[in-house]
Amino acid sequence: MYWDIKKIEIIDKENYTLKVFFADGLNGLVKFEPSFFRGVFAHLINPDEFDKATIFDNVVTWPGHLDLAPDAMWEGIKDNNGIHILK
């Protein structure tokens, strides 16, 4: 799919920012607000845990089978001048 993620870069683990590169060539930033880190994602507020982001099956993933919806990130980046903010 066009929203498959091919590459990520952790831009700033202290400020929870990733750069995401999609199969169709779209790329942009995904920024996480501190309010995002609740429930199963709560431990990712630790920058060293956030830094463990990787790609599995074309999706941003962390240990423990935590992942993000790539289609929502693709749309957010496309519609918001290259920046998708997760709150």
PDB file of N, CA and C in Angstrom:
ATOM      1  N   MET A   1       0.838  -1.192   0.000  1.00  0.00           N
ATOM      2  CA  MET A   1       0.000   0.000   0.000  1.00  0.00           C
ATOM      3  C   MET A   1       0.879   1.249   0.000  1.00  0.00           C
ATOM      4  N   TYR A   2       0.303   2.322  -0.448  1.00  0.00           N
ATOM      5  CA  TYR A   2       1.047   3.579  -0.514  1.00  0.00           C
ATOM      6  C   TYR A   2       1.451   4.084   0.861  1.00  0.00           C
ATOM      7  N   TRP A   3       0.721   3.692   1.906  1.00  0.00           N
ATOM      8  CA  TRP A   3       1.069   4.162   3.248  1.00  0.00           C
ATOM      9  C   TRP A   3       2.001   3.210   4.001  1.00  0.00           C
ATOM     10  N   ASP A   4       2.485   2.171   3.347  1.00  0.00           N
ATOM     11  CA  ASP A   4       3.480   1.315   3.986  1.00  0.00           C
ATOM     12  C   ASP A   4       4.710   2.135   4.344  1.00  0.00           C
ATOM     13  N   ILE A   5       5.222   1.921   5.537  1.00  0.00           N
ATOM     14  CA  ILE A   5       6.387   2.663   5.996  1.00  0.00           C
ATOM     15  C   ILE A   5       7.648   1.906   5.612  1.00  0.00           C
ATOM     16  N   LYS A   6       8.559   2.595   4.951  1.00  0.00           N
ATOM     17  CA  LYS A   6       9.787   1.983   4.464  1.00  0.00           C
ATOM     18  C   LYS A   6      10.996   2.328   5.326  1.00  0.00           C
ATOM     19  N   LYS A   7      10.911   3.455   6.035  1.00  0.00           N
ATOM     20  CA  LYS A   7      12.057   3.890   6.838  1.00  0.00           C
ATOM     21  C   LYS A   7      11.556   4.857   7.905  1.00  0.00           C
ATOM     22  N   ILE A   8      12.216   4.819   9.069  1.00  0.00           N
ATOM     23  CA  ILE A   8      11.976   5.839  10.092  1.00  0.00           C
ATOM     24  C   ILE A   8      13.317   6.339  10.605  1.00  0.00           C
ATOM     25  N   GLU A   9      13.315   7.556  11.072  1.00  0.00           N
ATOM     26  CA  GLU A   9      14.471   8.142  11.763  1.00  0.00           C
ATOM     27  C   GLU A   9      13.962   8.765  13.051  1.00  0.00           C
ATOM     28  N   ILE A  10      14.620   8.486  14.133  1.00  0.00           N
ATOM     29  CA  ILE A  10      14.274   9.147  15.384  1.00  0.00           C
ATOM     30  C   ILE A  10      15.003  10.481  15.375  1.00  0.00           C
ATOM     31  N   ILE A  11      14.240  11.529  15.218  1.00  0.00           N
ATOM     32  CA  ILE A  11      14.799  12.879  15.108  1.00  0.00           C
ATOM     33  C   ILE A  11      15.196  13.417  16.481  1.00  0.00           C
ATOM     34  N   ASP A  12      14.319  13.193  17.474  1.00  0.00           N
ATOM     35  CA  ASP A  12      14.571  13.732  18.812  1.00  0.00           C
ATOM     36  C   ASP A  12      13.816  12.879  19.835  1.00  0.00           C
ATOM     37  N   LYS A  13      14.531  11.959  20.477  1.00  0.00           N
ATOM     38  CA  LYS A  13      13.866  11.074  21.436  1.00  0.00           C
ATOM     39  C   LYS A  13      13.422  11.816  22.695  1.00  0.00           C
ATOM     40  N   GLU A  14      14.068  12.918  23.014  1.00  0.00           N
ATOM     41  CA  GLU A  14      13.690  13.705  24.196  1.00  0.00           C
ATOM     42  C   GLU A  14      12.391  14.473  23.955  1.00  0.00           C
ATOM     43  N   ASN A  15      12.122  14.820  22.706  1.00  0.00           N
ATOM     44  CA  ASN A  15      10.899  15.535  22.344  1.00  0.00           C
ATOM     45  C   ASN A  15       9.973  14.667  21.501  1.00  0.00           C
ATOM     46  N   TYR A  16      10.229  13.370  21.485  1.00  0.00           N
ATOM     47  CA  TYR A  16       9.330  12.386  20.887  1.00  0.00           C
ATOM     48  C   TYR A  16       8.963  12.719  19.440  1.00  0.00           C
ATOM     49  N   THR A  17       9.963  12.778  18.587  1.00  0.00           N
ATOM     50  CA  THR A  17       9.740  13.120  17.186  1.00  0.00           C
ATOM     51  C   THR A  17      10.399  12.089  16.276  1.00  0.00           C
ATOM     52  N   LEU A  18       9.601  11.557  15.342  1.00  0.00           N
ATOM     53  CA  LEU A  18      10.080  10.621  14.323  1.00  0.00           C
ATOM     54  C   LEU A  18       9.935  11.256  12.948  1.00  0.00           C
ATOM     55  N   LYS A  19      10.796  10.865  12.033  1.00  0.00           N
ATOM     56  CA  LYS A  19      10.580  11.159  10.621  1.00  0.00           C
ATOM     57  C   LYS A  19      10.224   9.838   9.967  1.00  0.00           C
ATOM     58  N   VAL A  20       9.139   9.848   9.215  1.00  0.00           N
ATOM     59  CA  VAL A  20       8.586   8.636   8.625  1.00  0.00           C
ATOM     60  C   VAL A  20       8.614   8.766   7.102  1.00  0.00           C
ATOM     61  N   PHE A  21       9.049   7.699   6.433  1.00  0.00           N
ATOM     62  CA  PHE A  21       9.146   7.654   4.977  1.00  0.00           C
ATOM     63  C   PHE A  21       8.211   6.559   4.459  1.00  0.00           C
ATOM     64  N   PHE A  22       7.275   6.935   3.593  1.00  0.00           N
ATOM     65  CA  PHE A  22       6.264   6.016   3.081  1.00  0.00           C
ATOM     66  C   PHE A  22       6.626   5.478   1.702  1.00  0.00           C
ATOM     67  N   ALA A  23       5.981   4.379   1.328  1.00  0.00           N
ATOM     68  CA  ALA A  23       6.250   3.701   0.061  1.00  0.00           C
ATOM     69  C   ALA A  23       5.996   4.594  -1.149  1.00  0.00           C
ATOM     70  N   ASP A  24       5.054   5.513  -1.051  1.00  0.00           N
ATOM     71  CA  ASP A  24       4.724   6.372  -2.198  1.00  0.00           C
ATOM     72  C   ASP A  24       5.628   7.601  -2.309  1.00  0.00           C
ATOM     73  N   GLY A  25       6.607   7.729  -1.402  1.00  0.00           N
ATOM     74  CA  GLY A  25       7.527   8.857  -1.446  1.00  0.00           C
ATOM     75  C   GLY A  25       7.205   9.966  -0.456  1.00  0.00           C
ATOM     76  N   LEU A  26       5.999   9.974   0.098  1.00  0.00           N
ATOM     77  CA  LEU A  26       5.645  10.962   1.114  1.00  0.00           C
ATOM     78  C   LEU A  26       6.505  10.733   2.348  1.00  0.00           C
ATOM     79  N   ASN A  27       6.956  11.807   2.967  1.00  0.00           N
ATOM     80  CA  ASN A  27       7.654  11.695   4.242  1.00  0.00           C
ATOM     81  C   ASN A  27       7.330  12.915   5.079  1.00  0.00           C
ATOM     82  N   GLY A  28       7.505  12.784   6.378  1.00  0.00           N
ATOM     83  CA  GLY A  28       7.230  13.900   7.274  1.00  0.00           C
ATOM     84  C   GLY A  28       7.471  13.505   8.710  1.00  0.00           C
ATOM     85  N   LEU A  29       7.169  14.447   9.586  1.00  0.00           N
ATOM     86  CA  LEU A  29       7.408  14.265  11.010  1.00  0.00           C
ATOM     87  C   LEU A  29       6.157  13.774  11.719  1.00  0.00           C
ATOM     88  N   VAL A  30       6.376  12.917  12.697  1.00  0.00           N
ATOM     89  CA  VAL A  30       5.326  12.503  13.623  1.00  0.00           C
ATOM     90  C   VAL A  30       5.800  12.940  14.999  1.00  0.00           C
ATOM     91  N   LYS A  31       5.044  13.858  15.617  1.00  0.00           N
ATOM     92  CA  LYS A  31       5.389  14.386  16.936  1.00  0.00           C
ATOM     93  C   LYS A  31       4.369  13.878  17.942  1.00  0.00           C
ATOM     94  N   PHE A  32       4.864  13.434  19.077  1.00  0.00           N
ATOM     95  CA  PHE A  32       4.028  12.878  20.129  1.00  0.00           C
ATOM     96  C   PHE A  32       3.952  13.877  21.279  1.00  0.00           C
ATOM     97  N   GLU A  33       2.752  14.300  21.620  1.00  0.00           N
ATOM     98  CA  GLU A  33       2.541  15.148  22.795  1.00  0.00           C
ATOM     99  C   GLU A  33       2.629  14.257  24.038  1.00  0.00           C
ATOM    100  N   PRO A  34       3.081  14.800  25.173  1.00  0.00           N
ATOM    101  CA  PRO A  34       3.142  13.987  26.396  1.00  0.00           C
ATOM    102  C   PRO A  34       1.807  13.331  26.746  1.00  0.00           C
ATOM    103  N   SER A  35       0.696  13.967  26.401  1.00  0.00           N
ATOM    104  CA  SER A  35      -0.619  13.398  26.704  1.00  0.00           C
ATOM    105  C   SER A  35      -0.893  12.104  25.941  1.00  0.00           C
ATOM    106  N   PHE A  36      -0.149  11.827  24.876  1.00  0.00           N
ATOM    107  CA  PHE A  36      -0.309  10.585  24.118  1.00  0.00           C
ATOM    108  C   PHE A  36       0.094   9.364  24.947  1.00  0.00           C
ATOM    109  N   PHE A  37       1.047   9.545  25.840  1.00  0.00           N
ATOM    110  CA  PHE A  37       1.652   8.421  26.567  1.00  0.00           C
ATOM    111  C   PHE A  37       0.805   8.011  27.770  1.00  0.00           C
ATOM    112  N   ARG A  38      -0.245   7.254  27.460  1.00  0.00           N
ATOM    113  CA  ARG A  38      -1.122   6.713  28.501  1.00  0.00           C
ATOM    114  C   ARG A  38      -1.494   5.287  28.085  1.00  0.00           C
ATOM    115  N   GLY A  39      -2.056   4.553  29.013  1.00  0.00           N
ATOM    116  CA  GLY A  39      -2.430   3.166  28.717  1.00  0.00           C
ATOM    117  C   GLY A  39      -1.230   2.336  28.315  1.00  0.00           C
ATOM    118  N   VAL A  40      -1.371   1.544  27.256  1.00  0.00           N
ATOM    119  CA  VAL A  40      -0.285   0.665  26.832  1.00  0.00           C
ATOM    120  C   VAL A  40       0.934   1.431  26.343  1.00  0.00           C
ATOM    121  N   PHE A  41       0.755   2.700  25.991  1.00  0.00           N
ATOM    122  CA  PHE A  41       1.875   3.515  25.510  1.00  0.00           C
ATOM    123  C   PHE A  41       2.576   4.297  26.630  1.00  0.00           C
ATOM    124  N   ALA A  42       2.116   4.186  27.860  1.00  0.00           N
ATOM    125  CA  ALA A  42       2.628   5.006  28.973  1.00  0.00           C
ATOM    126  C   ALA A  42       4.142   4.903  29.144  1.00  0.00           C
ATOM    127  N   HIS A  43       4.704   3.710  29.022  1.00  0.00           N
ATOM    128  CA  HIS A  43       6.139   3.545  29.265  1.00  0.00           C
ATOM    129  C   HIS A  43       7.001   4.192  28.178  1.00  0.00           C
ATOM    130  N   LEU A  44       6.406   4.536  27.039  1.00  0.00           N
ATOM    131  CA  LEU A  44       7.191   5.167  25.969  1.00  0.00           C
ATOM    132  C   LEU A  44       7.550   6.618  26.273  1.00  0.00           C
ATOM    133  N   ILE A  45       7.008   7.168  27.368  1.00  0.00           N
ATOM    134  CA  ILE A  45       7.405   8.517  27.759  1.00  0.00           C
ATOM    135  C   ILE A  45       8.873   8.545  28.199  1.00  0.00           C
ATOM    136  N   ASN A  46       9.408   7.378  28.537  1.00  0.00           N
ATOM    137  CA  ASN A  46      10.838   7.258  28.818  1.00  0.00           C
ATOM    138  C   ASN A  46      11.563   7.342  27.472  1.00  0.00           C
ATOM    139  N   PRO A  47      12.406   8.360  27.264  1.00  0.00           N
ATOM    140  CA  PRO A  47      13.073   8.522  25.966  1.00  0.00           C
ATOM    141  C   PRO A  47      13.842   7.288  25.498  1.00  0.00           C
ATOM    142  N   ASP A  48      14.409   6.527  26.428  1.00  0.00           N
ATOM    143  CA  ASP A  48      15.132   5.322  26.024  1.00  0.00           C
ATOM    144  C   ASP A  48      14.190   4.243  25.488  1.00  0.00           C
ATOM    145  N   GLU A  49      12.971   4.203  25.990  1.00  0.00           N
ATOM    146  CA  GLU A  49      11.963   3.273  25.464  1.00  0.00           C
ATOM    147  C   GLU A  49      11.425   3.773  24.123  1.00  0.00           C
ATOM    148  N   PHE A  50      11.175   5.071  24.026  1.00  0.00           N
ATOM    149  CA  PHE A  50      10.706   5.657  22.767  1.00  0.00           C
ATOM    150  C   PHE A  50      11.712   5.394  21.648  1.00  0.00           C
ATOM    151  N   ASP A  51      12.978   5.441  22.007  1.00  0.00           N
ATOM    152  CA  ASP A  51      14.073   5.254  21.052  1.00  0.00           C
ATOM    153  C   ASP A  51      14.120   3.843  20.454  1.00  0.00           C
ATOM    154  N   LYS A  52      13.349   2.929  20.978  1.00  0.00           N
ATOM    155  CA  LYS A  52      13.346   1.547  20.485  1.00  0.00           C
ATOM    156  C   LYS A  52      12.404   1.349  19.301  1.00  0.00           C
ATOM    157  N   ALA A  53      11.860   2.426  18.763  1.00  0.00           N
ATOM    158  CA  ALA A  53      10.960   2.318  17.611  1.00  0.00           C
ATOM    159  C   ALA A  53      11.683   1.667  16.439  1.00  0.00           C
ATOM    160  N   THR A  54      10.955   0.822  15.731  1.00  0.00           N
ATOM    161  CA  THR A  54      11.480   0.129  14.565  1.00  0.00           C
ATOM    162  C   THR A  54      10.336  -0.070  13.575  1.00  0.00           C
ATOM    163  N   ILE A  55      10.620  -0.734  12.481  1.00  0.00           N
ATOM    164  CA  ILE A  55       9.580  -1.060  11.502  1.00  0.00           C
ATOM    165  C   ILE A  55       9.399  -2.578  11.491  1.00  0.00           C
ATOM    166  N   PHE A  56       8.149  -2.996  11.576  1.00  0.00           N
ATOM    167  CA  PHE A  56       7.801  -4.415  11.440  1.00  0.00           C
ATOM    168  C   PHE A  56       6.554  -4.491  10.566  1.00  0.00           C
ATOM    169  N   ASP A  57       6.626  -5.252   9.496  1.00  0.00           N
ATOM    170  CA  ASP A  57       5.508  -5.367   8.553  1.00  0.00           C
ATOM    171  C   ASP A  57       5.033  -3.996   8.059  1.00  0.00           C
ATOM    172  N   ASN A  58       5.982  -3.112   7.778  1.00  0.00           N
ATOM    173  CA  ASN A  58       5.700  -1.775   7.227  1.00  0.00           C
ATOM    174  C   ASN A  58       4.934  -0.856   8.178  1.00  0.00           C
ATOM    175  N   VAL A  59       5.101  -1.094   9.485  1.00  0.00           N
ATOM    176  CA  VAL A  59       4.408  -0.315  10.509  1.00  0.00           C
ATOM    177  C   VAL A  59       5.424   0.091  11.576  1.00  0.00           C
ATOM    178  N   VAL A  60       5.291   1.309  12.129  1.00  0.00           N
ATOM    179  CA  VAL A  60       6.130   1.728  13.263  1.00  0.00           C
ATOM    180  C   VAL A  60       5.707   0.903  14.470  1.00  0.00           C
ATOM    181  N   THR A  61       6.706   0.262  15.091  1.00  0.00           N
ATOM    182  CA  THR A  61       6.444  -0.693  16.164  1.00  0.00           C
ATOM    183  C   THR A  61       7.456  -0.511  17.290  1.00  0.00           C
ATOM    184  N   TRP A  62       7.000  -0.810  18.508  1.00  0.00           N
ATOM    185  CA  TRP A  62       7.878  -0.871  19.678  1.00  0.00           C
ATOM    186  C   TRP A  62       7.764  -2.263  20.289  1.00  0.00           C
ATOM    187  N   PRO A  63       8.750  -2.653  21.105  1.00  0.00           N
ATOM    188  CA  PRO A  63       8.648  -3.951  21.786  1.00  0.00           C
ATOM    189  C   PRO A  63       7.323  -4.056  22.550  1.00  0.00           C
ATOM    190  N   GLY A  64       6.792  -5.256  22.601  1.00  0.00           N
ATOM    191  CA  GLY A  64       5.507  -5.477  23.259  1.00  0.00           C
ATOM    192  C   GLY A  64       4.344  -5.403  22.281  1.00  0.00           C
ATOM    193  N   HIS A  65       4.651  -5.430  20.981  1.00  0.00           N
ATOM    194  CA  HIS A  65       3.634  -5.411  19.930  1.00  0.00           C
ATOM    195  C   HIS A  65       2.818  -4.116  19.911  1.00  0.00           C
ATOM    196  N   LEU A  66       3.456  -3.012  20.259  1.00  0.00           N
ATOM    197  CA  LEU A  66       2.803  -1.708  20.165  1.00  0.00           C
ATOM    198  C   LEU A  66       3.073  -1.140  18.784  1.00  0.00           C
ATOM    199  N   ASP A  67       2.040  -0.670  18.128  1.00  0.00           N
ATOM    200  CA  ASP A  67       2.254  -0.084  16.814  1.00  0.00           C
ATOM    201  C   ASP A  67       1.292   1.069  16.565  1.00  0.00           C
ATOM    202  N   LEU A  68       1.573   1.788  15.489  1.00  0.00           N
ATOM    203  CA  LEU A  68       0.773   2.947  15.102  1.00  0.00           C
ATOM    204  C   LEU A  68       0.155   2.701  13.739  1.00  0.00           C
ATOM    205  N   ALA A  69      -1.019   3.227  13.525  1.00  0.00           N
ATOM    206  CA  ALA A  69      -1.715   3.072  12.250  1.00  0.00           C
ATOM    207  C   ALA A  69      -1.018   3.902  11.165  1.00  0.00           C
ATOM    208  N   PRO A  70      -0.416   3.240  10.186  1.00  0.00           N
ATOM    209  CA  PRO A  70       0.320   3.992   9.162  1.00  0.00           C
ATOM    210  C   PRO A  70      -0.588   4.841   8.277  1.00  0.00           C
ATOM    211  N   ASP A  71      -1.817   4.408   8.029  1.00  0.00           N
ATOM    212  CA  ASP A  71      -2.716   5.188   7.188  1.00  0.00           C
ATOM    213  C   ASP A  71      -3.069   6.524   7.842  1.00  0.00           C
ATOM    214  N   ALA A  72      -3.253   6.527   9.162  1.00  0.00           N
ATOM    215  CA  ALA A  72      -3.559   7.773   9.876  1.00  0.00           C
ATOM    216  C   ALA A  72      -2.351   8.720   9.853  1.00  0.00           C
ATOM    217  N   MET A  73      -1.141   8.169  10.011  1.00  0.00           N
ATOM    218  CA  MET A  73       0.055   9.020   9.940  1.00  0.00           C
ATOM    219  C   MET A  73       0.217   9.599   8.547  1.00  0.00           C
ATOM    220  N   TRP A  74       0.014   8.771   7.521  1.00  0.00           N
ATOM    221  CA  TRP A  74       0.143   9.227   6.135  1.00  0.00           C
ATOM    222  C   TRP A  74      -0.815  10.382   5.880  1.00  0.00           C
ATOM    223  N   GLU A  75      -2.076  10.211   6.279  1.00  0.00           N
ATOM    224  CA  GLU A  75      -3.069  11.258   6.074  1.00  0.00           C
ATOM    225  C   GLU A  75      -2.728  12.520   6.857  1.00  0.00           C
ATOM    226  N   GLY A  76      -2.306  12.354   8.119  1.00  0.00           N
ATOM    227  CA  GLY A  76      -1.948  13.506   8.942  1.00  0.00           C
ATOM    228  C   GLY A  76      -0.791  14.294   8.360  1.00  0.00           C
ATOM    229  N   ILE A  77       0.222  13.599   7.873  1.00  0.00           N
ATOM    230  CA  ILE A  77       1.378  14.265   7.268  1.00  0.00           C
ATOM    231  C   ILE A  77       0.977  14.968   5.974  1.00  0.00           C
ATOM    232  N   LYS A  78       0.188  14.293   5.154  1.00  0.00           N
ATOM    233  CA  LYS A  78      -0.249  14.863   3.876  1.00  0.00           C
ATOM    234  C   LYS A  78      -1.111  16.110   4.091  1.00  0.00           C
ATOM    235  N   ASP A  79      -1.988  16.051   5.063  1.00  0.00           N
ATOM    236  CA  ASP A  79      -2.964  17.134   5.272  1.00  0.00           C
ATOM    237  C   ASP A  79      -2.458  18.273   6.136  1.00  0.00           C
ATOM    238  N   ASN A  80      -1.313  18.104   6.812  1.00  0.00           N
ATOM    239  CA  ASN A  80      -0.855  19.111   7.778  1.00  0.00           C
ATOM    240  C   ASN A  80       0.573  19.572   7.515  1.00  0.00           C
ATOM    241  N   ASN A  81       0.865  19.824   6.268  1.00  0.00           N
ATOM    242  CA  ASN A  81       2.175  20.389   5.899  1.00  0.00           C
ATOM    243  C   ASN A  81       3.353  19.585   6.423  1.00  0.00           C
ATOM    244  N   GLY A  82       3.252  18.253   6.384  1.00  0.00           N
ATOM    245  CA  GLY A  82       4.377  17.413   6.725  1.00  0.00           C
ATOM    246  C   GLY A  82       4.564  17.089   8.191  1.00  0.00           C
ATOM    247  N   ILE A  83       3.564  17.435   9.024  1.00  0.00           N
ATOM    248  CA  ILE A  83       3.689  17.155  10.464  1.00  0.00           C
ATOM    249  C   ILE A  83       2.384  16.552  10.966  1.00  0.00           C
ATOM    250  N   HIS A  84       2.491  15.387  11.583  1.00  0.00           N
ATOM    251  CA  HIS A  84       1.335  14.738  12.214  1.00  0.00           C
ATOM    252  C   HIS A  84       1.595  14.736  13.715  1.00  0.00           C
ATOM    253  N   ILE A  85       0.665  15.287  14.478  1.00  0.00           N
ATOM    254  CA  ILE A  85       0.826  15.377  15.943  1.00  0.00           C
ATOM    255  C   ILE A  85      -0.132  14.400  16.593  1.00  0.00           C
ATOM    256  N   LEU A  86       0.411  13.549  17.459  1.00  0.00           N
ATOM    257  CA  LEU A  86      -0.386  12.587  18.210  1.00  0.00           C
ATOM    258  C   LEU A  86      -0.562  13.119  19.628  1.00  0.00           C
ATOM    259  N   LYS A  87      -1.800  13.252  20.043  1.00  0.00           N
ATOM    260  CA  LYS A  87      -2.111  13.820  21.374  1.00  0.00           C
ATOM    261  C   LYS A  87      -2.697  12.780  22.285  1.00  0.00           C
TER     262      LYS A  87
END
